[in-house]
Each structure stands twice: as structure tokens, then as C-alpha cells.
PDB file of N, CA and C in Angstrom:
ATOM      1  N   LYS A   1      63.677 105.977 135.809  1.00  0.00           N
ATOM      2  CA  LYS A   1      64.995 105.348 135.948  1.00  0.00           C
ATOM      3  C   LYS A   1      65.907 105.923 134.865  1.00  0.00           C
ATOM      4  N   PRO A   2      67.108 106.417 135.233  1.00  0.00           N
ATOM      5  CA  PRO A   2      68.032 106.988 134.231  1.00  0.00           C
ATOM      6  C   PRO A   2      68.518 105.923 133.258  1.00  0.00           C
ATOM      7  N   GLN A   3      68.682 106.372 132.030  1.00  0.00           N
ATOM      8  CA  GLN A   3      69.191 105.468 130.996  1.00  0.00           C
ATOM      9  C   GLN A   3      70.714 105.560 130.964  1.00  0.00           C
ATOM     10  N   ILE A   4      71.370 104.429 130.883  1.00  0.00           N
ATOM     11  CA  ILE A   4      72.837 104.403 130.826  1.00  0.00           C
ATOM     12  C   ILE A   4      73.249 104.486 129.367  1.00  0.00           C
ATOM     13  N   VAL A   5      74.067 105.471 129.082  1.00  0.00           N
ATOM     14  CA  VAL A   5      74.551 105.684 127.725  1.00  0.00           C
ATOM     15  C   VAL A   5      76.034 105.365 127.699  1.00  0.00           C
ATOM     16  N   LYS A   6      76.399 104.509 126.785  1.00  0.00           N
ATOM     17  CA  LYS A   6      77.811 104.156 126.652  1.00  0.00           C
ATOM     18  C   LYS A   6      78.446 105.096 125.638  1.00  0.00           C
ATOM     19  N   GLU A   7      79.488 105.779 126.036  1.00  0.00           N
ATOM     20  CA  GLU A   7      80.175 106.708 125.144  1.00  0.00           C
ATOM     21  C   GLU A   7      81.499 106.109 124.699  1.00  0.00           C
ATOM     22  N   THR A   8      81.837 106.389 123.476  1.00  0.00           N
ATOM     23  CA  THR A   8      83.146 105.966 122.984  1.00  0.00           C
ATOM     24  C   THR A   8      83.993 107.199 122.737  1.00  0.00           C
ATOM     25  N   VAL A   9      85.234 107.072 122.983  1.00  0.00           N
ATOM     26  CA  VAL A   9      86.170 108.172 122.782  1.00  0.00           C
ATOM     27  C   VAL A   9      87.035 107.837 121.576  1.00  0.00           C
ATOM     28  N   SER A  10      87.050 108.747 120.618  1.00  0.00           N
ATOM     29  CA  SER A  10      87.914 108.522 119.451  1.00  0.00           C
ATOM     30  C   SER A  10      89.177 109.351 119.608  1.00  0.00           C
ATOM     31  N   THR A  11      90.272 108.771 119.188  1.00  0.00           N
ATOM     32  CA  THR A  11      91.540 109.479 119.285  1.00  0.00           C
ATOM     33  C   THR A  11      91.893 110.088 117.936  1.00  0.00           C
ATOM     34  N   VAL A  12      92.512 111.205 117.988  1.00  0.00           N
ATOM     35  CA  VAL A  12      92.976 111.880 116.782  1.00  0.00           C
ATOM     36  C   VAL A  12      94.492 111.771 116.771  1.00  0.00           C
ATOM     37  N   SER A  13      95.037 111.230 115.692  1.00  0.00           N
ATOM     38  CA  SER A  13      96.489 111.117 115.640  1.00  0.00           C
ATOM     39  C   SER A  13      97.069 112.351 114.959  1.00  0.00           C
ATOM     40  N   LEU A  14      97.878 113.066 115.691  1.00  0.00           N
ATOM     41  CA  LEU A  14      98.540 114.255 115.167  1.00  0.00           C
ATOM     42  C   LEU A  14      99.776 113.819 114.395  1.00  0.00           C
ATOM     43  N   PRO A  15     100.201 114.641 113.452  1.00  0.00           N
ATOM     44  CA  PRO A  15     101.406 114.270 112.698  1.00  0.00           C
ATOM     45  C   PRO A  15     102.600 114.079 113.620  1.00  0.00           C
ATOM     46  N   ASN A  16     103.313 113.003 113.419  1.00  0.00           N
ATOM     47  CA  ASN A  16     104.539 112.731 114.156  1.00  0.00           C
ATOM     48  C   ASN A  16     105.668 113.271 113.289  1.00  0.00           C
ATOM     49  N   THR A  17     106.162 114.450 113.630  1.00  0.00           N
ATOM     50  CA  THR A  17     107.148 115.096 112.771  1.00  0.00           C
ATOM     51  C   THR A  17     108.517 115.186 113.423  1.00  0.00           C
ATOM     52  N   VAL A  18     109.529 115.194 112.561  1.00  0.00           N
ATOM     53  CA  VAL A  18     110.908 115.433 112.967  1.00  0.00           C
ATOM     54  C   VAL A  18     111.491 116.475 112.026  1.00  0.00           C
ATOM     55  N   GLU A  19     112.521 117.137 112.476  1.00  0.00           N
ATOM     56  CA  GLU A  19     113.166 118.155 111.643  1.00  0.00           C
ATOM     57  C   GLU A  19     114.149 117.513 110.678  1.00  0.00           C
ATOM     58  N   GLY A  20     114.345 118.200 109.551  1.00  0.00           N
ATOM     59  CA  GLY A  20     115.310 117.733 108.565  1.00  0.00           C
ATOM     60  C   GLY A  20     115.829 118.898 107.755  1.00  0.00           C
ATOM     61  N   VAL A  21     116.797 118.608 106.887  1.00  0.00           N
ATOM     62  CA  VAL A  21     117.382 119.627 106.038  1.00  0.00           C
ATOM     63  C   VAL A  21     117.717 118.989 104.685  1.00  0.00           C
ATOM     64  N   VAL A  22     117.506 119.763 103.617  1.00  0.00           N
ATOM     65  CA  VAL A  22     117.849 119.293 102.271  1.00  0.00           C
ATOM     66  C   VAL A  22     119.365 119.207 102.169  1.00  0.00           C
ATOM     67  N   ALA A  23     119.868 118.051 101.780  1.00  0.00           N
ATOM     68  CA  ALA A  23     121.312 117.834 101.700  1.00  0.00           C
ATOM     69  C   ALA A  23     121.616 116.947 100.499  1.00  0.00           C
ATOM     70  N   HIS A  24     122.872 116.870 100.140  1.00  0.00           N
ATOM     71  CA  HIS A  24     123.339 115.961  99.087  1.00  0.00           C
ATOM     72  C   HIS A  24     122.813 116.323  97.695  1.00  0.00           C
ATOM     73  N   CYS A  25     122.326 117.566  97.515  1.00  0.00           N
ATOM     74  CA  CYS A  25     121.882 118.040  96.200  1.00  0.00           C
ATOM     75  C   CYS A  25     121.746 119.559  96.261  1.00  0.00           C
ATOM     76  N   ALA A  26     121.776 120.204  95.089  1.00  0.00           N
ATOM     77  CA  ALA A  26     121.621 121.662  95.024  1.00  0.00           C
ATOM     78  C   ALA A  26     120.156 122.067  95.077  1.00  0.00           C
ATOM     79  N   LYS A  27     119.282 121.280  94.442  1.00  0.00           N
ATOM     80  CA  LYS A  27     117.843 121.539  94.398  1.00  0.00           C
ATOM     81  C   LYS A  27     117.124 120.214  94.610  1.00  0.00           C
ATOM     82  N   LEU A  28     115.992 120.249  95.302  1.00  0.00           N
ATOM     83  CA  LEU A  28     115.226 119.032  95.577  1.00  0.00           C
ATOM     84  C   LEU A  28     113.779 119.226  95.176  1.00  0.00           C
ATOM     85  N   ASN A  29     113.290 118.333  94.311  1.00  0.00           N
ATOM     86  CA  ASN A  29     111.885 118.373  93.897  1.00  0.00           C
ATOM     87  C   ASN A  29     110.999 117.796  94.994  1.00  0.00           C
ATOM     88  N   VAL A  30     109.930 118.521  95.313  1.00  0.00           N
ATOM     89  CA  VAL A  30     108.902 118.021  96.218  1.00  0.00           C
ATOM     90  C   VAL A  30     107.721 117.640  95.334  1.00  0.00           C
ATOM     91  N   ARG A  31     107.268 116.398  95.451  1.00  0.00           N
ATOM     92  CA  ARG A  31     106.274 115.860  94.523  1.00  0.00           C
ATOM     93  C   ARG A  31     104.936 115.572  95.197  1.00  0.00           C
ATOM     94  N   GLU A  32     103.888 115.498  94.354  1.00  0.00           N
ATOM     95  CA  GLU A  32     102.534 115.242  94.847  1.00  0.00           C
ATOM     96  C   GLU A  32     102.399 113.857  95.461  1.00  0.00           C
ATOM     97  N   ASN A  33     103.061 112.873  94.872  1.00  0.00           N
ATOM     98  CA  ASN A  33     103.008 111.487  95.341  1.00  0.00           C
ATOM     99  C   ASN A  33     104.427 110.922  95.412  1.00  0.00           C
ATOM    100  N   ALA A  34     104.552 109.770  96.033  1.00  0.00           N
ATOM    101  CA  ALA A  34     105.860 109.150  96.238  1.00  0.00           C
ATOM    102  C   ALA A  34     106.316 108.388  95.001  1.00  0.00           C
ATOM    103  N   THR A  35     106.488 109.126  93.890  1.00  0.00           N
ATOM    104  CA  THR A  35     106.993 108.549  92.646  1.00  0.00           C
ATOM    105  C   THR A  35     107.643 109.637  91.807  1.00  0.00           C
ATOM    106  N   VAL A  36     108.692 109.282  91.071  1.00  0.00           N
ATOM    107  CA  VAL A  36     109.399 110.275  90.249  1.00  0.00           C
ATOM    108  C   VAL A  36     108.541 110.752  89.075  1.00  0.00           C
ATOM    109  N   ASP A  37     107.475 110.035  88.746  1.00  0.00           N
ATOM    110  CA  ASP A  37     106.579 110.431  87.663  1.00  0.00           C
ATOM    111  C   ASP A  37     105.501 111.400  88.121  1.00  0.00           C
ATOM    112  N   SER A  38     105.433 111.652  89.419  1.00  0.00           N
ATOM    113  CA  SER A  38     104.405 112.525  89.981  1.00  0.00           C
ATOM    114  C   SER A  38     104.739 113.995  89.737  1.00  0.00           C
ATOM    115  N   GLY A  39     103.719 114.832  89.739  1.00  0.00           N
ATOM    116  CA  GLY A  39     103.900 116.269  89.522  1.00  0.00           C
ATOM    117  C   GLY A  39     104.728 116.917  90.616  1.00  0.00           C
ATOM    118  N   ILE A  40     105.436 117.984  90.252  1.00  0.00           N
ATOM    119  CA  ILE A  40     106.289 118.707  91.196  1.00  0.00           C
ATOM    120  C   ILE A  40     105.486 119.813  91.870  1.00  0.00           C
ATOM    121  N   VAL A  41     105.474 119.799  93.197  1.00  0.00           N
ATOM    122  CA  VAL A  41     104.773 120.800  93.997  1.00  0.00           C
ATOM    123  C   VAL A  41     105.626 122.057  94.121  1.00  0.00           C
ATOM    124  N   CYS A  42     106.913 121.874  94.428  1.00  0.00           N
ATOM    125  CA  CYS A  42     107.859 122.980  94.553  1.00  0.00           C
ATOM    126  C   CYS A  42     109.270 122.414  94.492  1.00  0.00           C
ATOM    127  N   VAL A  43     110.248 123.301  94.434  1.00  0.00           N
ATOM    128  CA  VAL A  43     111.652 122.912  94.425  1.00  0.00           C
ATOM    129  C   VAL A  43     112.328 123.619  95.600  1.00  0.00           C
ATOM    130  N   LEU A  44     113.026 122.851  96.418  1.00  0.00           N
ATOM    131  CA  LEU A  44     113.717 123.415  97.581  1.00  0.00           C
ATOM    132  C   LEU A  44     115.213 123.489  97.319  1.00  0.00           C
ATOM    133  N   ASP A  45     115.833 124.548  97.816  1.00  0.00           N
ATOM    134  CA  ASP A  45     117.278 124.716  97.707  1.00  0.00           C
ATOM    135  C   ASP A  45     117.987 123.876  98.768  1.00  0.00           C
ATOM    136  N   ALA A  46     119.258 123.598  98.513  1.00  0.00           N
ATOM    137  CA  ALA A  46     120.090 122.908  99.492  1.00  0.00           C
ATOM    138  C   ALA A  46     120.072 123.680 100.801  1.00  0.00           C
ATOM    139  N   MET A  47     120.093 122.973 101.894  1.00  0.00           N
ATOM    140  CA  MET A  47     120.108 123.486 103.259  1.00  0.00           C
ATOM    141  C   MET A  47     118.762 124.068 103.711  1.00  0.00           C
ATOM    142  N   SER A  48     117.696 123.876 102.906  1.00  0.00           N
ATOM    143  CA  SER A  48     116.359 124.294 103.339  1.00  0.00           C
ATOM    144  C   SER A  48     115.914 123.417 104.498  1.00  0.00           C
ATOM    145  N   GLU A  49     115.358 124.043 105.530  1.00  0.00           N
ATOM    146  CA  GLU A  49     114.871 123.291 106.672  1.00  0.00           C
ATOM    147  C   GLU A  49     113.442 122.833 106.404  1.00  0.00           C
ATOM    148  N   ILE A  50     113.135 121.596 106.809  1.00  0.00           N
ATOM    149  CA  ILE A  50     111.821 121.026 106.577  1.00  0.00           C
ATOM    150  C   ILE A  50     111.355 120.263 107.809  1.00  0.00           C
ATOM    151  N   GLU A  51     110.059 119.980 107.847  1.00  0.00           N
ATOM    152  CA  GLU A  51     109.486 119.093 108.855  1.00  0.00           C
ATOM    153  C   GLU A  51     109.091 117.816 108.122  1.00  0.00           C
ATOM    154  N   ILE A  52     109.415 116.681 108.679  1.00  0.00           N
ATOM    155  CA  ILE A  52     109.131 115.387 108.065  1.00  0.00           C
ATOM    156  C   ILE A  52     108.008 114.705 108.833  1.00  0.00           C
ATOM    157  N   ASP A  53     106.951 114.318 108.127  1.00  0.00           N
ATOM    158  CA  ASP A  53     105.841 113.583 108.723  1.00  0.00           C
ATOM    159  C   ASP A  53     106.197 112.094 108.673  1.00  0.00           C
ATOM    160  N   VAL A  54     106.563 111.554 109.812  1.00  0.00           N
ATOM    161  CA  VAL A  54     107.026 110.169 109.891  1.00  0.00           C
ATOM    162  C   VAL A  54     105.919 109.197 109.492  1.00  0.00           C
ATOM    163  N   ASN A  55     104.679 109.487 109.866  1.00  0.00           N
ATOM    164  CA  ASN A  55     103.569 108.580 109.593  1.00  0.00           C
ATOM    165  C   ASN A  55     103.251 108.464 108.106  1.00  0.00           C
ATOM    166  N   LYS A  56     103.431 109.523 107.345  1.00  0.00           N
ATOM    167  CA  LYS A  56     103.113 109.507 105.918  1.00  0.00           C
ATOM    168  C   LYS A  56     104.301 109.126 105.046  1.00  0.00           C
ATOM    169  N   SER A  57     105.485 109.024 105.627  1.00  0.00           N
ATOM    170  CA  SER A  57     106.694 108.700 104.866  1.00  0.00           C
ATOM    171  C   SER A  57     106.740 107.216 104.535  1.00  0.00           C
ATOM    172  N   THR A  58     107.492 106.890 103.484  1.00  0.00           N
ATOM    173  CA  THR A  58     107.650 105.494 103.066  1.00  0.00           C
ATOM    174  C   THR A  58     109.119 105.102 103.184  1.00  0.00           C
ATOM    175  N   THR A  59     109.446 103.927 102.710  1.00  0.00           N
ATOM    176  CA  THR A  59     110.824 103.444 102.772  1.00  0.00           C
ATOM    177  C   THR A  59     111.779 104.347 102.002  1.00  0.00           C
ATOM    178  N   ASN A  60     111.356 104.839 100.832  1.00  0.00           N
ATOM    179  CA  ASN A  60     112.233 105.640  99.977  1.00  0.00           C
ATOM    180  C   ASN A  60     111.877 107.121  99.919  1.00  0.00           C
ATOM    181  N   TRP A  61     110.736 107.501 100.483  1.00  0.00           N
ATOM    182  CA  TRP A  61     110.252 108.881 100.368  1.00  0.00           C
ATOM    183  C   TRP A  61     109.865 109.443 101.731  1.00  0.00           C
ATOM    184  N   PHE A  62     110.214 110.726 101.946  1.00  0.00           N
ATOM    185  CA  PHE A  62     109.731 111.458 103.114  1.00  0.00           C
ATOM    186  C   PHE A  62     108.549 112.311 102.688  1.00  0.00           C
ATOM    187  N   TYR A  63     107.526 112.404 103.533  1.00  0.00           N
ATOM    188  CA  TYR A  63     106.452 113.379 103.334  1.00  0.00           C
ATOM    189  C   TYR A  63     106.868 114.591 104.148  1.00  0.00           C
ATOM    190  N   ILE A  64     106.997 115.747 103.507  1.00  0.00           N
ATOM    191  CA  ILE A  64     107.578 116.914 104.188  1.00  0.00           C
ATOM    192  C   ILE A  64     106.655 118.129 104.123  1.00  0.00           C
ATOM    193  N   TYR A  65     106.905 119.039 105.060  1.00  0.00           N
ATOM    194  CA  TYR A  65     106.272 120.352 105.098  1.00  0.00           C
ATOM    195  C   TYR A  65     107.406 121.371 105.010  1.00  0.00           C
ATOM    196  N   SER A  66     107.324 122.294 104.043  1.00  0.00           N
ATOM    197  CA  SER A  66     108.375 123.310 103.899  1.00  0.00           C
ATOM    198  C   SER A  66     108.020 124.545 104.720  1.00  0.00           C
ATOM    199  N   ALA A  67     108.990 125.417 104.906  1.00  0.00           N
ATOM    200  CA  ALA A  67     108.776 126.650 105.650  1.00  0.00           C
ATOM    201  C   ALA A  67     107.771 127.569 104.948  1.00  0.00           C
ATOM    202  N   THR A  68     107.624 127.413 103.629  1.00  0.00           N
ATOM    203  CA  THR A  68     106.698 128.259 102.867  1.00  0.00           C
ATOM    204  C   THR A  68     105.276 127.702 102.859  1.00  0.00           C
ATOM    205  N   GLY A  69     105.084 126.532 103.489  1.00  0.00           N
ATOM    206  CA  GLY A  69     103.757 125.944 103.560  1.00  0.00           C
ATOM    207  C   GLY A  69     103.488 124.863 102.526  1.00  0.00           C
ATOM    208  N   ALA A  70     104.436 124.619 101.641  1.00  0.00           N
ATOM    209  CA  ALA A  70     104.272 123.556 100.653  1.00  0.00           C
ATOM    210  C   ALA A  70     104.432 122.211 101.354  1.00  0.00           C
ATOM    211  N   GLU A  71     103.756 121.199 100.828  1.00  0.00           N
ATOM    212  CA  GLU A  71     103.923 119.859 101.374  1.00  0.00           C
ATOM    213  C   GLU A  71     103.849 118.837 100.265  1.00  0.00           C
ATOM    214  N   GLY A  72     104.553 117.726 100.480  1.00  0.00           N
ATOM    215  CA  GLY A  72     104.584 116.663  99.495  1.00  0.00           C
ATOM    216  C   GLY A  72     105.716 115.704  99.795  1.00  0.00           C
ATOM    217  N   TYR A  73     106.036 114.883  98.809  1.00  0.00           N
ATOM    218  CA  TYR A  73     107.043 113.834  98.964  1.00  0.00           C
ATOM    219  C   TYR A  73     108.376 114.217  98.329  1.00  0.00           C
ATOM    220  N   CYS A  74     109.468 113.828  98.975  1.00  0.00           N
ATOM    221  CA  CYS A  74     110.795 113.978  98.384  1.00  0.00           C
ATOM    222  C   CYS A  74     111.605 112.732  98.725  1.00  0.00           C
ATOM    223  N   MET A  75     112.597 112.460  97.897  1.00  0.00           N
ATOM    224  CA  MET A  75     113.406 111.251  98.087  1.00  0.00           C
ATOM    225  C   MET A  75     114.253 111.351  99.363  1.00  0.00           C
ATOM    226  N   ARG A  76     114.216 110.304 100.145  1.00  0.00           N
ATOM    227  CA  ARG A  76     114.936 110.281 101.430  1.00  0.00           C
ATOM    228  C   ARG A  76     116.436 110.515 101.279  1.00  0.00           C
ATOM    229  N   GLN A  77     117.023 110.031 100.194  1.00  0.00           N
ATOM    230  CA  GLN A  77     118.473 110.092 100.039  1.00  0.00           C
ATOM    231  C   GLN A  77     119.000 111.523  99.973  1.00  0.00           C
ATOM    232  N   TYR A  78     118.101 112.502  99.759  1.00  0.00           N
ATOM    233  CA  TYR A  78     118.520 113.902  99.651  1.00  0.00           C
ATOM    234  C   TYR A  78     118.156 114.722 100.891  1.00  0.00           C
ATOM    235  N   VAL A  79     117.837 114.036 101.971  1.00  0.00           N
ATOM    236  CA  VAL A  79     117.436 114.730 103.211  1.00  0.00           C
ATOM    237  C   VAL A  79     118.201 114.146 104.376  1.00  0.00           C
ATOM    238  N   ASP A  80     118.740 115.023 105.222  1.00  0.00           N
ATOM    239  CA  ASP A  80     119.306 114.599 106.501  1.00  0.00           C
ATOM    240  C   ASP A  80     118.218 114.832 107.546  1.00  0.00           C
ATOM    241  N   ALA A  81     117.737 113.747 108.136  1.00  0.00           N
ATOM    242  CA  ALA A  81     116.673 113.835 109.141  1.00  0.00           C
ATOM    243  C   ALA A  81     117.270 113.725 110.530  1.00  0.00           C
ATOM    244  N   TYR A  82     116.727 114.501 111.453  1.00  0.00           N
ATOM    245  CA  TYR A  82     117.199 114.477 112.838  1.00  0.00           C
ATOM    246  C   TYR A  82     116.235 113.624 113.654  1.00  0.00           C
ATOM    247  N   MET A  83     116.371 112.284 113.496  1.00  0.00           N
ATOM    248  CA  MET A  83     115.437 111.351 114.149  1.00  0.00           C
ATOM    249  C   MET A  83     116.021 110.816 115.434  1.00  0.00           C
TER     250      MET A  83
END
């Protein structure tokens, strides 16, 4: 008699991203964590295009991916997001 095996399917959540651009400042620090005391990963120039990870972002910080491959947190007030 065949044995019935119950399978479960796990879902993988892909990053939910939107496009954005550095605005309202000449240079923008991208940080390791969502705090001004956190280390700086890189500095982006004004008008740099970025991808924003909506799932990892907080009320005051966007989690972003830069065109050069850097990723980290930056303050929302310095980014225009196309949501």
C-alpha cells in the first residue's frame, strides 16, 4: 500500500523594490544600520538613482541598493521615491 506523504510548500519573499533618487542634499551617507551613529558604507551624490527595498525600510530610513552594488540605510528625507 503506498504511503501518503504530506508536502509543505515554503514561499520565498523577494525584495519589494521601488526606484528613487537622491534629492534635497549634495551628498548622502549610506549607513550599515538605521541610525546616524552607524558606520558609513558609501556616499552618494545628488541625483544618484537607487533601488529602495520597501520591506527593509523603516519610518525614517530607506534600505537602498546603489548602482555600484552598495547597500544600506539612508534617511528618507533625502530621497525622492517613486512609490
